[in-house]
């Protein structure tokens, strides 16, 4: 199961991340090779989801 880690520091979130965007164009998350980063719009902390598998080529689906 993937772990969810709240994280305040933004230094590790580098320019190597791929943006995950909504259909409206807003960035809703970013993903690296094995992690998904979600930033809280209120406190600016990052929630880091460790997928333990390569998610860099995952397809974004909308509903």
N, C-alpha and C. Protein backbone atom coordinates (compact mmCIF):
# COMPACT_ATOMS: atom_id res chain seq x y z
N UNK A 1 0.84 -1.19 0.00
CA UNK A 1 0.00 0.00 0.00
C UNK A 1 0.88 1.24 0.00
N UNK A 2 0.45 2.26 -0.65
CA UNK A 2 1.22 3.49 -0.75
C UNK A 2 1.16 4.27 0.55
N UNK A 3 2.26 4.92 0.89
CA UNK A 3 2.29 5.73 2.10
C UNK A 3 1.99 7.18 1.77
N UNK A 4 1.35 7.88 2.69
CA UNK A 4 1.05 9.29 2.53
C UNK A 4 1.84 10.04 3.59
N UNK A 5 2.68 10.98 3.15
CA UNK A 5 3.58 11.68 4.05
C UNK A 5 3.37 13.18 3.90
N UNK A 6 2.82 13.88 4.92
CA UNK A 6 2.74 15.34 4.83
C UNK A 6 4.15 15.93 4.93
N UNK A 7 4.42 16.96 4.16
CA UNK A 7 5.78 17.48 4.08
C UNK A 7 5.73 18.99 3.88
N UNK A 8 6.43 19.75 4.71
CA UNK A 8 6.41 21.20 4.64
C UNK A 8 7.47 21.75 3.68
N UNK A 9 8.61 21.12 3.60
CA UNK A 9 9.72 21.63 2.80
C UNK A 9 9.46 21.44 1.31
N UNK A 10 9.74 22.46 0.52
CA UNK A 10 9.54 22.38 -0.91
C UNK A 10 10.82 22.17 -1.69
N UNK A 11 11.96 22.10 -1.01
CA UNK A 11 13.25 22.02 -1.69
C UNK A 11 13.41 20.74 -2.49
N UNK A 12 12.83 19.64 -2.04
CA UNK A 12 12.99 18.37 -2.74
C UNK A 12 12.13 18.29 -3.99
N UNK A 13 11.13 19.13 -4.08
CA UNK A 13 10.25 19.11 -5.25
C UNK A 13 10.96 19.89 -6.35
N UNK A 14 11.57 19.17 -7.25
CA UNK A 14 12.43 19.79 -8.25
C UNK A 14 11.69 20.04 -9.56
N UNK A 15 12.40 20.61 -10.50
CA UNK A 15 11.85 20.88 -11.83
C UNK A 15 11.71 19.61 -12.65
N UNK A 16 12.11 18.46 -12.12
CA UNK A 16 12.02 17.20 -12.85
C UNK A 16 10.64 16.55 -12.74
N UNK A 17 9.72 17.21 -12.08
CA UNK A 17 8.39 16.66 -11.89
C UNK A 17 7.51 16.95 -13.09
N UNK A 18 6.62 16.02 -13.39
CA UNK A 18 5.64 16.22 -14.46
C UNK A 18 4.35 16.73 -13.85
N UNK A 19 3.76 17.74 -14.45
CA UNK A 19 2.50 18.30 -13.95
C UNK A 19 1.34 17.38 -14.29
N UNK A 20 0.42 17.24 -13.34
CA UNK A 20 -0.85 16.55 -13.57
C UNK A 20 -1.90 17.64 -13.55
N UNK A 21 -2.55 17.86 -14.68
CA UNK A 21 -3.48 18.98 -14.81
C UNK A 21 -4.92 18.52 -14.96
N UNK A 22 -5.82 19.37 -14.48
CA UNK A 22 -7.24 19.18 -14.68
C UNK A 22 -7.56 19.53 -16.14
N UNK A 23 -8.74 19.19 -16.59
CA UNK A 23 -9.15 19.53 -17.95
C UNK A 23 -9.20 21.05 -18.15
N UNK A 24 -9.38 21.81 -17.06
CA UNK A 24 -9.42 23.27 -17.16
C UNK A 24 -8.02 23.88 -17.27
N UNK A 25 -6.98 23.06 -17.07
CA UNK A 25 -5.61 23.54 -17.20
C UNK A 25 -4.89 23.77 -15.88
N UNK A 26 -5.61 23.75 -14.75
CA UNK A 26 -4.99 23.97 -13.44
C UNK A 26 -4.18 22.75 -13.02
N UNK A 27 -3.00 23.01 -12.46
CA UNK A 27 -2.17 21.92 -11.94
C UNK A 27 -2.80 21.42 -10.65
N UNK A 28 -3.09 20.13 -10.58
CA UNK A 28 -3.69 19.55 -9.36
C UNK A 28 -2.69 18.70 -8.60
N UNK A 29 -1.61 18.27 -9.24
CA UNK A 29 -0.57 17.47 -8.60
C UNK A 29 0.65 17.46 -9.50
N UNK A 30 1.72 16.91 -8.98
CA UNK A 30 2.92 16.69 -9.79
C UNK A 30 3.39 15.28 -9.50
N UNK A 31 4.03 14.66 -10.47
CA UNK A 31 4.50 13.31 -10.24
C UNK A 31 5.95 13.17 -10.66
N UNK A 32 6.65 12.39 -9.88
CA UNK A 32 8.03 12.01 -10.19
C UNK A 32 7.99 10.53 -10.53
N UNK A 33 9.10 9.89 -10.48
CA UNK A 33 9.14 8.49 -10.89
C UNK A 33 8.28 7.59 -10.00
N UNK A 34 8.45 7.67 -8.69
CA UNK A 34 7.69 6.79 -7.79
C UNK A 34 6.87 7.56 -6.77
N UNK A 35 6.72 8.87 -6.96
CA UNK A 35 5.99 9.68 -5.99
C UNK A 35 5.02 10.62 -6.68
N UNK A 36 3.93 10.90 -6.00
CA UNK A 36 2.96 11.90 -6.46
C UNK A 36 2.92 12.99 -5.39
N UNK A 37 3.09 14.26 -5.80
CA UNK A 37 3.11 15.39 -4.89
C UNK A 37 1.83 16.19 -5.06
N UNK A 38 1.13 16.40 -3.95
CA UNK A 38 -0.07 17.24 -3.94
C UNK A 38 0.18 18.37 -2.95
N UNK A 39 0.00 19.61 -3.38
CA UNK A 39 0.27 20.76 -2.52
C UNK A 39 -1.04 21.32 -1.99
N UNK A 40 -1.10 21.49 -0.67
CA UNK A 40 -2.29 22.09 -0.05
C UNK A 40 -2.37 23.55 -0.45
N UNK A 41 -3.50 23.98 -0.95
CA UNK A 41 -3.61 25.36 -1.40
C UNK A 41 -3.75 26.34 -0.23
N UNK A 42 -3.99 25.84 0.97
CA UNK A 42 -4.13 26.71 2.14
C UNK A 42 -2.81 26.89 2.89
N UNK A 43 -2.20 25.79 3.32
CA UNK A 43 -0.98 25.88 4.14
C UNK A 43 0.30 25.69 3.34
N UNK A 44 0.19 25.32 2.06
CA UNK A 44 1.33 25.14 1.15
C UNK A 44 2.19 23.92 1.48
N UNK A 45 1.73 23.04 2.34
CA UNK A 45 2.46 21.80 2.60
C UNK A 45 2.23 20.83 1.44
N UNK A 46 3.18 19.92 1.29
CA UNK A 46 3.06 18.89 0.27
C UNK A 46 2.64 17.58 0.91
N UNK A 47 1.71 16.89 0.26
CA UNK A 47 1.38 15.52 0.60
C UNK A 47 2.11 14.67 -0.44
N UNK A 48 2.95 13.77 0.01
CA UNK A 48 3.75 12.95 -0.90
C UNK A 48 3.25 11.52 -0.81
N UNK A 49 2.76 11.01 -1.93
CA UNK A 49 2.26 9.63 -1.99
C UNK A 49 3.33 8.79 -2.67
N UNK A 50 3.88 7.84 -1.93
CA UNK A 50 4.91 6.95 -2.45
C UNK A 50 4.22 5.75 -3.08
N UNK A 51 4.32 5.62 -4.40
CA UNK A 51 3.61 4.55 -5.10
C UNK A 51 4.39 3.24 -5.13
N UNK A 52 5.69 3.30 -4.84
CA UNK A 52 6.57 2.13 -4.85
C UNK A 52 6.63 1.44 -6.21
N UNK A 53 6.16 2.11 -7.23
CA UNK A 53 6.30 1.62 -8.60
C UNK A 53 6.41 2.84 -9.50
N UNK A 54 6.90 2.66 -10.69
CA UNK A 54 7.10 3.77 -11.61
C UNK A 54 5.75 4.31 -12.08
N UNK A 55 5.46 5.55 -11.72
CA UNK A 55 4.19 6.16 -12.13
C UNK A 55 4.41 7.25 -13.17
N UNK A 56 5.62 7.38 -13.69
CA UNK A 56 5.93 8.47 -14.62
C UNK A 56 5.18 8.36 -15.95
N UNK A 57 4.70 7.17 -16.29
CA UNK A 57 3.97 7.03 -17.56
C UNK A 57 2.49 6.70 -17.34
N UNK A 58 1.98 6.97 -16.14
CA UNK A 58 0.56 6.73 -15.88
C UNK A 58 -0.29 7.67 -16.72
N UNK A 59 -1.44 7.20 -17.12
CA UNK A 59 -2.39 8.00 -17.90
C UNK A 59 -3.34 8.72 -16.95
N UNK A 60 -3.64 9.99 -17.25
CA UNK A 60 -4.60 10.75 -16.45
C UNK A 60 -5.98 10.53 -17.03
N UNK A 61 -6.91 10.10 -16.20
CA UNK A 61 -8.29 9.88 -16.64
C UNK A 61 -9.21 10.86 -15.92
N UNK A 62 -10.23 11.30 -16.61
CA UNK A 62 -11.18 12.27 -16.07
C UNK A 62 -12.56 11.63 -16.00
N UNK A 63 -13.37 12.11 -15.06
CA UNK A 63 -14.76 11.65 -15.02
C UNK A 63 -15.69 12.80 -14.76
